Amino acid sequence: MNSGYHELENVQMVKAQGRRVRELTDLIRAVDAAEDEFIVFETPYGQRIVVDRQAAADRAEMILRRYGVPADRSADLKTKSRG
């Protein structure tokens, strides 16, 4: 799933799906609204990170369980992102 991206860490995302990301809720809204086959994230340096949307969704629960993460986002971000 992270083929080609395993060296990336602590990378700031400035765009998701072509939308400017100023805060975490912007990122969540862009990902939640995505309908394309791939989700494209962009860094301040012009790097693009491309994720297969369906593959990520299919693996999300397994990844959360594996690393002991209770949810994909905190409760406050669940309500803000739906607005």
Protein backbone atom coordinates (compact mmCIF):
# COMPACT_ATOMS: atom_id res chain seq x y z
CA MET A 1 0.00 0.00 0.00
CA ASN A 2 2.86 2.40 0.71
CA SER A 3 4.82 1.30 -2.33
CA GLY A 4 7.30 4.05 -3.10
CA TYR A 5 6.37 6.11 -0.05
CA HIS A 6 7.97 4.16 2.80
CA GLU A 7 10.69 6.81 3.22
CA LEU A 8 8.20 9.63 3.79
CA GLU A 9 7.56 10.81 7.33
CA ASN A 10 6.61 14.13 8.90
CA VAL A 11 5.42 15.46 5.54
CA GLN A 12 3.08 18.42 5.44
CA MET A 13 0.17 18.21 3.00
CA VAL A 14 -0.79 21.51 1.39
CA LYS A 15 -3.34 20.12 -1.06
CA ALA A 16 -5.67 17.13 -1.22
CA GLN A 17 -7.62 16.43 -4.39
CA GLY A 18 -6.49 19.83 -5.67
CA ARG A 19 -8.00 21.64 -2.67
CA ARG A 20 -5.86 23.80 -0.40
CA VAL A 21 -5.34 22.29 3.05
CA ARG A 22 -5.06 24.89 5.81
CA GLU A 23 -6.16 22.73 8.74
CA LEU A 24 -6.90 19.10 9.46
CA THR A 25 -10.63 19.51 8.77
CA ASP A 26 -9.80 20.63 5.20
CA LEU A 27 -7.85 17.43 4.67
CA ILE A 28 -10.63 15.28 6.13
CA ARG A 29 -13.29 16.97 3.98
CA ALA A 30 -11.25 16.47 0.80
CA VAL A 31 -10.66 12.79 1.53
CA ASP A 32 -14.26 12.12 2.62
CA ALA A 33 -15.62 13.81 -0.53
CA ALA A 34 -13.25 12.02 -2.92
CA GLU A 35 -14.97 9.91 -5.56
CA ASP A 36 -12.07 9.38 -7.96
CA GLU A 37 -10.13 6.11 -8.06
CA PHE A 38 -7.11 7.81 -6.50
CA ILE A 39 -6.66 10.46 -3.82
CA VAL A 40 -3.81 12.85 -4.58
CA PHE A 41 -1.99 14.70 -1.81
CA GLU A 42 0.57 17.42 -2.51
CA THR A 43 3.47 18.66 -0.38
CA PRO A 44 4.89 22.20 -0.29
CA TYR A 45 7.73 20.95 -2.51
CA GLY A 46 5.49 19.74 -5.30
CA GLN A 47 5.70 16.06 -4.40
CA ARG A 48 2.54 14.10 -5.07
CA ILE A 49 1.41 11.17 -2.99
CA VAL A 50 -1.20 9.06 -4.76
CA VAL A 51 -3.36 6.62 -2.80
CA ASP A 52 -5.81 4.10 -4.22
CA ARG A 53 -9.02 5.25 -2.51
CA GLN A 54 -10.78 1.87 -2.43
CA ALA A 55 -7.69 -0.06 -1.30
CA ALA A 56 -7.17 2.40 1.55
CA ALA A 57 -10.82 2.13 2.60
CA ASP A 58 -10.69 -1.68 2.44
CA ARG A 59 -7.60 -1.81 4.67
CA ALA A 60 -8.49 0.95 7.14
CA GLU A 61 -10.04 -1.25 9.85
CA MET A 62 -7.20 -3.76 9.70
CA ILE A 63 -4.59 -1.00 10.01
CA LEU A 64 -6.38 0.59 12.97
CA ARG A 65 -6.56 -2.80 14.72
CA ARG A 66 -2.96 -3.70 13.97
CA TYR A 67 -1.62 -0.51 15.53
CA GLY A 68 -4.17 -0.27 18.35
CA VAL A 69 -5.77 2.94 17.11
CA PRO A 70 -9.38 3.20 18.33
CA ALA A 71 -10.75 5.34 15.46
CA ASP A 72 -9.67 7.02 12.23
CA ARG A 73 -10.21 10.45 13.83
CA SER A 74 -11.21 12.00 17.13
CA ALA A 75 -14.87 12.72 17.92
CA ASP A 76 -14.45 16.48 17.41
CA LEU A 77 -13.15 15.91 13.88
CA LYS A 78 -16.01 13.55 13.06
CA THR A 79 -18.60 16.25 13.66
CA LYS A 80 -16.60 19.12 12.09
CA SER A 81 -15.80 17.17 8.92
CA ARG A 82 -19.44 16.43 8.18
CA GLY A 83 -20.43 20.11 8.07
